[in-house]
Amino acid sequence: MHFEIVDESRYDEVLNYLRNHFHDEPLNVAVGLFKKGQTCQLLENYDMDTMRDGYSIIAIDPDTNKIAGAMLNAISSLGDPELELERMKCIDDIEFHRLMGLLLRHNSDAQLFRKYNVEKIFELRILSVDSDYRGRGLGQELVKRSEELAREHGFTVLKVDATSFFTQKILEKFGFETVKTVVYHDYRDADGKYIYNTPPPHDTYKIMTKVLSNEPVHV
């Protein structure tokens, strides 16, 4: 498998990949943000902003030259969660509000910048592996390479909004710790119906972090 940093020449290819392979992310399934092959412009704007930071990684199958997996990484700065929450007030899309609003509110409450006394955090935002390549450790390799990239650029704190049970298990292998746990079924609408009716085993969303030491990356 070949790995490379995403540059501008790959942006459209990565977006198309995510349309077809990120639709089954549990929180997206729960709110119905988009289905396989569809475009959610608000989410793709978010993806583009993430890729422009220059830290995203893709895995390329050398036999087909197609994307087998992707990890979109970005830099979160002090005050960003609160700023993004303010910007959300101008967005009417209820599904996008339910998804991003949940993440932003709990990130704001977690106060990670104050907790770790930093102004910038390396954020592993979107992890996706093509279903044809799952079960081969590709997700772990993308996490490992993302951590190495963060170290190379002098970041001391990693953070993930781990919305999937499987992502949480991968991160635990790399020594990530849970800062906050959110139970999806704690949220109900006025009629008592679940707002986030995620499929099992995806019962929780966790904010997970890792403080980087000088030790090499291990699984």
Protein backbone atom coordinates (compact mmCIF):
# COMPACT_ATOMS: atom_id res chain seq x y z
CA MET A 1 0.00 0.00 0.00
CA HIS A 2 1.27 3.48 -0.89
CA PHE A 3 0.62 6.42 1.46
CA GLU A 4 0.77 10.10 0.59
CA ILE A 5 -0.15 13.51 1.95
CA VAL A 6 -3.23 14.91 0.23
CA ASP A 7 -2.43 17.86 -2.00
CA GLU A 8 -4.67 20.01 -4.19
CA SER A 9 -4.46 17.58 -7.10
CA ARG A 10 -6.23 14.93 -4.99
CA TYR A 11 -9.01 17.04 -3.41
CA ASP A 12 -11.78 16.07 -5.84
CA GLU A 13 -10.74 12.42 -5.76
CA VAL A 14 -10.85 12.35 -1.96
CA LEU A 15 -14.28 14.00 -1.88
CA ASN A 16 -15.60 11.45 -4.34
CA TYR A 17 -14.08 8.65 -2.27
CA LEU A 18 -15.80 9.93 0.89
CA ARG A 19 -19.17 10.18 -0.90
CA ASN A 20 -18.97 6.46 -1.51
CA HIS A 21 -17.19 5.20 1.59
CA PHE A 22 -17.98 7.51 4.54
CA HIS A 23 -21.77 7.26 4.32
CA ASP A 24 -21.83 4.44 6.90
CA GLU A 25 -20.20 6.49 9.65
CA PRO A 26 -22.57 5.93 12.65
CA LEU A 27 -23.45 9.55 13.39
CA ASN A 28 -24.11 10.27 9.73
CA VAL A 29 -26.37 7.21 9.56
CA ALA A 30 -28.23 8.38 12.66
CA VAL A 31 -29.00 11.89 11.39
CA GLY A 32 -29.27 11.00 7.69
CA LEU A 33 -26.80 13.62 6.51
CA PHE A 34 -26.12 11.89 3.20
CA LYS A 35 -26.39 8.48 1.54
CA LYS A 36 -23.87 6.60 -0.55
CA GLY A 37 -22.90 8.52 -3.67
CA GLN A 38 -24.67 11.69 -2.58
CA THR A 39 -23.15 15.11 -2.00
CA CYS A 40 -23.57 17.07 1.24
CA GLN A 41 -22.12 20.45 0.37
CA LEU A 42 -21.78 21.60 3.98
CA LEU A 43 -19.82 18.50 4.91
CA GLU A 44 -17.67 18.73 1.81
CA ASN A 45 -16.86 22.36 2.62
CA TYR A 46 -15.69 21.09 6.01
CA ASP A 47 -13.65 18.35 4.33
CA MET A 48 -12.04 20.87 1.98
CA ASP A 49 -11.09 23.19 4.84
CA THR A 50 -9.55 20.20 6.59
CA MET A 51 -7.52 19.07 3.58
CA ARG A 52 -6.22 22.61 2.98
CA ASP A 53 -4.39 22.42 6.31
CA GLY A 54 -2.03 20.02 4.56
CA TYR A 55 -1.94 17.15 7.07
CA SER A 56 -4.40 14.66 5.57
CA ILE A 57 -3.21 11.21 4.47
CA ILE A 58 -4.56 8.72 1.93
CA ALA A 59 -3.71 5.09 1.25
CA ILE A 60 -3.43 4.20 -2.43
CA ASP A 61 -3.71 0.66 -3.80
CA PRO A 62 -0.70 0.47 -6.15
CA ASP A 63 -2.44 -2.11 -8.34
CA THR A 64 -5.47 0.06 -9.08
CA ASN A 65 -4.20 3.56 -8.13
CA LYS A 66 -7.47 4.02 -6.23
CA ILE A 67 -7.92 5.32 -2.69
CA ALA A 68 -8.26 2.47 -0.19
CA GLY A 69 -8.50 4.63 2.92
CA ALA A 70 -8.23 8.19 4.14
CA MET A 71 -7.47 10.11 7.30
CA LEU A 72 -8.37 13.78 7.16
CA ASN A 73 -6.37 15.76 9.72
CA ALA A 74 -6.47 19.43 10.64
CA ILE A 75 -5.21 21.90 13.18
CA SER A 76 -7.64 23.17 15.79
CA SER A 77 -6.74 26.47 17.42
CA LEU A 78 -7.74 28.06 20.70
CA GLY A 79 -11.27 29.42 20.37
CA ASP A 80 -12.17 27.42 17.25
CA PRO A 81 -15.05 25.37 18.78
CA GLU A 82 -16.75 28.51 20.03
CA LEU A 83 -16.17 30.33 16.73
CA GLU A 84 -17.63 27.42 14.75
CA LEU A 85 -20.65 27.24 17.06
CA GLU A 86 -21.30 30.91 16.33
CA ARG A 87 -21.02 30.28 12.58
CA MET A 88 -23.50 27.42 12.87
CA LYS A 89 -26.20 29.96 13.72
CA CYS A 90 -26.22 30.97 10.05
CA ILE A 91 -26.80 27.39 8.83
CA ASP A 92 -30.36 26.08 8.47
CA ASP A 93 -29.62 22.43 7.67
CA ILE A 94 -31.04 20.51 10.65
CA GLU A 95 -29.10 17.29 9.96
CA PHE A 96 -25.80 19.17 9.77
CA HIS A 97 -26.72 21.02 12.97
CA ARG A 98 -27.42 17.77 14.77
CA LEU A 99 -24.12 16.25 13.72
CA MET A 100 -21.66 19.13 13.91
CA GLY A 101 -23.50 20.90 16.72
CA LEU A 102 -23.13 17.85 18.94
CA LEU A 103 -19.38 17.66 18.34
CA LEU A 104 -18.74 21.37 18.69
CA ARG A 105 -20.77 21.77 21.90
CA HIS A 106 -18.95 18.97 23.66
CA ASN A 107 -15.56 20.16 22.41
CA SER A 108 -16.32 23.60 23.77
CA ASP A 109 -17.36 22.12 27.12
CA ALA A 110 -14.24 19.92 27.28
CA GLN A 111 -11.94 22.98 27.31
CA LEU A 112 -9.03 20.98 25.90
CA PHE A 113 -6.80 23.97 25.25
CA ARG A 114 -6.99 25.00 28.87
CA LYS A 115 -6.65 21.39 30.06
CA TYR A 116 -3.40 20.89 28.16
CA ASN A 117 -2.22 24.52 28.17
CA VAL A 118 -1.77 24.68 24.39
CA GLU A 119 -2.97 26.98 21.63
CA LYS A 120 -3.04 24.38 18.85
CA ILE A 121 -4.16 20.73 18.77
CA PHE A 122 -3.59 18.19 16.00
CA GLU A 123 -7.03 16.84 15.19
CA LEU A 124 -7.67 13.48 13.52
CA ARG A 125 -11.04 14.34 12.01
CA ILE A 126 -12.22 11.75 9.53
CA LEU A 127 -11.08 8.13 9.27
CA SER A 128 -12.48 6.03 6.45
CA VAL A 129 -11.45 2.68 4.99
CA ASP A 130 -13.00 1.23 1.84
CA SER A 131 -15.05 -1.83 2.83
CA ASP A 132 -13.00 -3.93 0.40
CA TYR A 133 -9.86 -3.23 2.46
CA ARG A 134 -11.22 -3.49 5.99
CA GLY A 135 -9.77 -6.00 8.41
CA ARG A 136 -6.22 -5.50 7.18
CA GLY A 137 -5.04 -2.96 9.76
CA LEU A 138 -5.29 -0.04 7.35
CA GLY A 139 -7.13 2.15 9.86
CA GLN A 140 -4.37 1.54 12.40
CA GLU A 141 -1.71 2.43 9.86
CA LEU A 142 -3.46 5.72 9.02
CA VAL A 143 -3.64 6.61 12.72
CA LYS A 144 0.03 5.70 13.19
CA ARG A 145 1.14 7.82 10.25
CA SER A 146 -1.01 10.73 11.43
CA GLU A 147 0.63 10.61 14.84
CA GLU A 148 4.07 10.52 13.25
CA LEU A 149 3.15 13.53 11.12
CA ALA A 150 2.01 15.45 14.19
CA ARG A 151 5.29 14.67 15.93
CA GLU A 152 7.31 15.81 12.92
CA HIS A 153 5.58 19.19 13.02
CA GLY A 154 6.00 19.73 16.74
CA PHE A 155 2.46 19.15 18.00
CA THR A 156 2.12 17.86 21.55
CA VAL A 157 -1.60 16.97 21.75
CA LEU A 158 -3.73 14.81 19.47
CA LYS A 159 -7.53 14.80 19.58
CA VAL A 160 -10.24 12.71 17.97
CA ASP A 161 -14.02 12.97 17.99
CA ALA A 162 -14.44 9.18 17.96
CA THR A 163 -18.04 8.60 16.84
CA SER A 164 -17.52 4.94 15.95
CA PHE A 165 -16.95 2.01 18.32
CA PHE A 166 -14.32 0.61 15.96
CA THR A 167 -12.41 3.90 15.81
CA GLN A 168 -12.45 4.04 19.60
CA LYS A 169 -10.89 0.58 19.79
CA ILE A 170 -8.14 1.54 17.34
CA LEU A 171 -7.32 4.68 19.32
CA GLU A 172 -7.14 2.77 22.59
CA LYS A 173 -4.38 0.62 21.06
CA PHE A 174 -2.38 3.78 20.45
CA GLY A 175 -2.76 5.01 24.02
CA PHE A 176 -5.51 7.57 23.48
CA GLU A 177 -7.52 8.36 26.60
CA THR A 178 -11.18 9.29 26.84
CA VAL A 179 -11.75 12.85 28.01
CA LYS A 180 -15.53 12.79 27.62
CA THR A 181 -18.14 10.16 26.81
CA VAL A 182 -21.51 11.03 25.27
CA VAL A 183 -24.24 8.38 25.16
CA TYR A 184 -26.18 8.76 21.91
CA HIS A 185 -29.46 7.48 23.31
CA ASP A 186 -29.44 10.16 26.02
CA TYR A 187 -30.75 12.55 23.34
CA ARG A 188 -34.46 12.47 22.54
CA ASP A 189 -36.80 14.87 20.76
CA ALA A 190 -40.04 16.34 22.12
CA ASP A 191 -41.87 13.13 21.23
CA GLY A 192 -39.40 10.96 23.09
CA LYS A 193 -37.79 9.56 19.94
CA TYR A 194 -34.04 9.12 19.74
CA ILE A 195 -32.30 11.96 17.91
CA TYR A 196 -29.18 9.83 17.44
CA ASN A 197 -30.50 6.35 16.81
CA THR A 198 -27.09 4.89 16.03
CA PRO A 199 -26.77 1.22 15.11
CA PRO A 200 -25.00 -1.08 17.60
CA PRO A 201 -22.25 -1.37 18.71
CA HIS A 202 -21.93 2.40 18.24
CA ASP A 203 -23.47 3.47 21.55
CA THR A 204 -21.24 6.40 22.43
CA TYR A 205 -19.28 9.30 21.05
CA LYS A 206 -15.98 9.91 22.81
CA ILE A 207 -13.59 12.82 22.80
CA MET A 208 -10.22 11.08 22.94
CA THR A 209 -6.80 12.65 23.32
CA LYS A 210 -3.15 11.70 23.47
CA VAL A 211 -0.27 13.76 24.81
CA LEU A 212 2.81 13.07 22.72
CA SER A 213 6.08 12.06 24.34
CA ASN A 214 9.43 11.43 22.70
CA GLU A 215 8.67 7.73 22.44
CA PRO A 216 8.20 6.18 18.97
CA VAL A 217 4.73 5.22 17.78
CA HIS A 218 3.67 1.70 18.72
CA VAL A 219 0.50 -0.40 18.37
